[in-house]
Amino acid sequence: MDKVFIRGLEVLSTIGVYEWEKGIRQKLCFDLEMGFDNRPAAAGDDIHLALDYATLSQKVSEYASTRVVELVETMAEQVAHLILSDFRVQWVKVTLTKPGAVPNAAGVGVEILRHRTPAASEL
């Protein structure tokens, strides 16, 4: 299985457990990796057979910027579900970083790997 990736997708979102965080927007940084068979697109040099990472990036950005959640874990799960539901990928790895969340650290976050299963649409 091939891998398509998007690195450093920055989105402003309302995220956090503290009251002061609920009234501001904070930067999140997404690194996305997806399992996708690139051979048909490459063989025909056909963008219609490729994973549309521009549309995927736009959907993730729109989704994350309009949701209000407390945990990066929640956002990562929701974005993984969105990608598996809306795009023909076999798996997705979401690395989500919240820069500046902890003093003296560049960022904190989570990395999750989810596969396409019949239960994926139940999230």
C-alpha atoms as a PDB file:
ATOM      1  CA  MET A   1       0.000   0.000   0.000  1.00  0.00           C
ATOM      2  CA  ASP A   2       1.312   3.427  -0.917  1.00  0.00           C
ATOM      3  CA  LYS A   3       1.347   6.362   1.453  1.00  0.00           C
ATOM      4  CA  VAL A   4       0.107   9.876   0.723  1.00  0.00           C
ATOM      5  CA  PHE A   5       0.997  12.505   3.290  1.00  0.00           C
ATOM      6  CA  ILE A   6       0.209  16.076   4.270  1.00  0.00           C
ATOM      7  CA  ARG A   7       2.629  17.687   6.694  1.00  0.00           C
ATOM      8  CA  GLY A   8       2.216  20.778   8.831  1.00  0.00           C
ATOM      9  CA  LEU A   9      -1.428  21.588   8.109  1.00  0.00           C
ATOM     10  CA  GLU A  10      -2.102  24.473  10.503  1.00  0.00           C
ATOM     11  CA  VAL A  11      -5.613  25.245  11.699  1.00  0.00           C
ATOM     12  CA  LEU A  12      -6.984  27.675  14.277  1.00  0.00           C
ATOM     13  CA  SER A  13      -9.471  25.953  16.549  1.00  0.00           C
ATOM     14  CA  THR A  14     -11.238  26.328  19.861  1.00  0.00           C
ATOM     15  CA  ILE A  15      -9.696  23.555  21.911  1.00  0.00           C
ATOM     16  CA  GLY A  16      -8.822  23.118  25.558  1.00  0.00           C
ATOM     17  CA  VAL A  17     -10.015  22.048  28.974  1.00  0.00           C
ATOM     18  CA  TYR A  18      -9.463  25.332  30.802  1.00  0.00           C
ATOM     19  CA  GLU A  19     -12.095  28.073  30.828  1.00  0.00           C
ATOM     20  CA  TRP A  20      -9.693  30.646  29.378  1.00  0.00           C
ATOM     21  CA  GLU A  21      -9.115  28.331  26.383  1.00  0.00           C
ATOM     22  CA  LYS A  22     -12.817  28.080  25.572  1.00  0.00           C
ATOM     23  CA  GLY A  23     -12.959  31.721  24.487  1.00  0.00           C
ATOM     24  CA  ILE A  24      -9.917  31.786  22.210  1.00  0.00           C
ATOM     25  CA  ARG A  25      -8.665  30.090  19.082  1.00  0.00           C
ATOM     26  CA  GLN A  26      -5.417  28.166  19.228  1.00  0.00           C
ATOM     27  CA  LYS A  27      -3.195  26.748  16.532  1.00  0.00           C
ATOM     28  CA  LEU A  28      -3.235  23.032  15.859  1.00  0.00           C
ATOM     29  CA  CYS A  29      -0.800  21.330  13.527  1.00  0.00           C
ATOM     30  CA  PHE A  30      -1.850  18.186  11.640  1.00  0.00           C
ATOM     31  CA  ASP A  31       0.469  15.680  10.012  1.00  0.00           C
ATOM     32  CA  LEU A  32      -1.592  13.195   8.035  1.00  0.00           C
ATOM     33  CA  GLU A  33      -0.543   9.936   6.406  1.00  0.00           C
ATOM     34  CA  MET A  34      -2.974   7.821   4.419  1.00  0.00           C
ATOM     35  CA  GLY A  35      -2.816   4.412   2.791  1.00  0.00           C
ATOM     36  CA  PHE A  36      -3.832   4.771  -0.844  1.00  0.00           C
ATOM     37  CA  ASP A  37      -3.054   2.814  -4.018  1.00  0.00           C
ATOM     38  CA  ASN A  38      -1.362   5.351  -6.298  1.00  0.00           C
ATOM     39  CA  ARG A  39      -0.762   2.916  -9.185  1.00  0.00           C
ATOM     40  CA  PRO A  40      -3.952   3.637 -11.176  1.00  0.00           C
ATOM     41  CA  ALA A  41      -3.386   7.404 -11.038  1.00  0.00           C
ATOM     42  CA  ALA A  42       0.294   7.049 -11.918  1.00  0.00           C
ATOM     43  CA  ALA A  43      -0.340   4.622 -14.789  1.00  0.00           C
ATOM     44  CA  GLY A  44      -2.779   6.973 -16.491  1.00  0.00           C
ATOM     45  CA  ASP A  45      -1.301  10.244 -15.210  1.00  0.00           C
ATOM     46  CA  ASP A  46      -4.905  10.923 -14.155  1.00  0.00           C
ATOM     47  CA  ILE A  47      -5.652  13.261 -11.270  1.00  0.00           C
ATOM     48  CA  HIS A  48      -9.189  11.868 -11.031  1.00  0.00           C
ATOM     49  CA  LEU A  49      -7.710   8.562  -9.854  1.00  0.00           C
ATOM     50  CA  ALA A  50      -5.407  10.179  -7.297  1.00  0.00           C
ATOM     51  CA  LEU A  51      -6.179  11.058  -3.702  1.00  0.00           C
ATOM     52  CA  ASP A  52      -7.236  14.701  -3.795  1.00  0.00           C
ATOM     53  CA  TYR A  53      -5.051  16.055  -1.013  1.00  0.00           C
ATOM     54  CA  ALA A  54      -6.095  19.646  -1.704  1.00  0.00           C
ATOM     55  CA  THR A  55      -9.742  18.804  -1.023  1.00  0.00           C
ATOM     56  CA  LEU A  56      -8.781  16.596   1.896  1.00  0.00           C
ATOM     57  CA  SER A  57      -6.736  19.425   3.449  1.00  0.00           C
ATOM     58  CA  GLN A  58      -9.594  21.860   2.965  1.00  0.00           C
ATOM     59  CA  LYS A  59     -12.119  19.504   4.590  1.00  0.00           C
ATOM     60  CA  VAL A  60      -9.867  18.851   7.586  1.00  0.00           C
ATOM     61  CA  SER A  61      -9.199  22.585   7.981  1.00  0.00           C
ATOM     62  CA  GLU A  62     -12.886  23.490   7.770  1.00  0.00           C
ATOM     63  CA  TYR A  63     -13.839  20.706  10.155  1.00  0.00           C
ATOM     64  CA  ALA A  64     -11.219  21.487  12.801  1.00  0.00           C
ATOM     65  CA  SER A  65     -11.794  25.239  12.641  1.00  0.00           C
ATOM     66  CA  THR A  66     -15.534  24.911  13.293  1.00  0.00           C
ATOM     67  CA  ARG A  67     -15.513  22.369  16.139  1.00  0.00           C
ATOM     68  CA  VAL A  68     -15.179  23.076  19.839  1.00  0.00           C
ATOM     69  CA  VAL A  69     -13.555  20.237  21.788  1.00  0.00           C
ATOM     70  CA  GLU A  70     -11.555  19.926  24.951  1.00  0.00           C
ATOM     71  CA  LEU A  71      -9.019  17.238  24.044  1.00  0.00           C
ATOM     72  CA  VAL A  72      -6.546  16.783  21.205  1.00  0.00           C
ATOM     73  CA  GLU A  73      -7.448  13.104  21.473  1.00  0.00           C
ATOM     74  CA  THR A  74     -11.049  13.931  20.556  1.00  0.00           C
ATOM     75  CA  MET A  75     -10.034  16.107  17.606  1.00  0.00           C
ATOM     76  CA  ALA A  76      -7.644  13.458  16.279  1.00  0.00           C
ATOM     77  CA  GLU A  77     -10.350  10.765  16.433  1.00  0.00           C
ATOM     78  CA  GLN A  78     -12.898  12.989  14.707  1.00  0.00           C
ATOM     79  CA  VAL A  79     -10.491  13.949  11.920  1.00  0.00           C
ATOM     80  CA  ALA A  80      -9.510  10.292  11.381  1.00  0.00           C
ATOM     81  CA  HIS A  81     -13.187   9.394  11.113  1.00  0.00           C
ATOM     82  CA  LEU A  82     -13.802  12.244   8.654  1.00  0.00           C
ATOM     83  CA  ILE A  83     -10.970  11.102   6.386  1.00  0.00           C
ATOM     84  CA  LEU A  84     -11.974   7.430   6.473  1.00  0.00           C
ATOM     85  CA  SER A  85     -15.599   8.345   5.766  1.00  0.00           C
ATOM     86  CA  ASP A  86     -15.061  10.862   2.968  1.00  0.00           C
ATOM     87  CA  PHE A  87     -12.002   9.528   1.123  1.00  0.00           C
ATOM     88  CA  ARG A  88     -11.018   6.156  -0.343  1.00  0.00           C
ATOM     89  CA  VAL A  89      -8.097   5.515   1.975  1.00  0.00           C
ATOM     90  CA  GLN A  90      -7.411   2.184   3.654  1.00  0.00           C
ATOM     91  CA  TRP A  91      -5.889   3.697   6.773  1.00  0.00           C
ATOM     92  CA  VAL A  92      -5.015   7.074   8.226  1.00  0.00           C
ATOM     93  CA  LYS A  93      -2.403   8.178  10.720  1.00  0.00           C
ATOM     94  CA  VAL A  94      -3.197  11.498  12.368  1.00  0.00           C
ATOM     95  CA  THR A  95      -0.463  13.262  14.293  1.00  0.00           C
ATOM     96  CA  LEU A  96      -1.946  16.253  16.030  1.00  0.00           C
ATOM     97  CA  THR A  97       0.250  18.783  17.815  1.00  0.00           C
ATOM     98  CA  LYS A  98      -0.894  21.655  20.006  1.00  0.00           C
ATOM     99  CA  PRO A  99       2.053  24.072  20.023  1.00  0.00           C
ATOM    100  CA  GLY A 100       2.896  25.880  23.241  1.00  0.00           C
ATOM    101  CA  ALA A 101       0.470  23.914  25.396  1.00  0.00           C
ATOM    102  CA  VAL A 102       3.148  23.033  27.938  1.00  0.00           C
ATOM    103  CA  PRO A 103       5.900  25.397  29.082  1.00  0.00           C
ATOM    104  CA  ASN A 104       9.348  24.575  27.692  1.00  0.00           C
ATOM    105  CA  ALA A 105       7.918  22.209  25.050  1.00  0.00           C
ATOM    106  CA  ALA A 106       7.469  22.997  21.380  1.00  0.00           C
ATOM    107  CA  GLY A 107       4.159  21.185  21.505  1.00  0.00           C
ATOM    108  CA  VAL A 108       2.172  18.277  22.859  1.00  0.00           C
ATOM    109  CA  GLY A 109      -0.188  15.962  21.086  1.00  0.00           C
ATOM    110  CA  VAL A 110      -1.205  12.528  19.965  1.00  0.00           C
ATOM    111  CA  GLU A 111      -0.599  10.171  17.099  1.00  0.00           C
ATOM    112  CA  ILE A 112      -3.304   7.683  16.174  1.00  0.00           C
ATOM    113  CA  LEU A 113      -3.597   5.067  13.440  1.00  0.00           C
ATOM    114  CA  ARG A 114      -7.023   3.975  12.255  1.00  0.00           C
ATOM    115  CA  HIS A 115      -7.984   1.456   9.558  1.00  0.00           C
ATOM    116  CA  ARG A 116     -11.036   1.244   7.382  1.00  0.00           C
ATOM    117  CA  THR A 117     -13.474  -1.192   8.975  1.00  0.00           C
ATOM    118  CA  PRO A 118     -17.248  -1.572   8.861  1.00  0.00           C
ATOM    119  CA  ALA A 119     -17.293  -0.038  12.370  1.00  0.00           C
ATOM    120  CA  ALA A 120     -15.429   3.092  11.174  1.00  0.00           C
ATOM    121  CA  SER A 121     -18.713   4.736  10.194  1.00  0.00           C
ATOM    122  CA  GLU A 122     -20.080   4.316  13.726  1.00  0.00           C
ATOM    123  CA  LEU A 123     -17.798   6.909  15.361  1.00  0.00           C
END
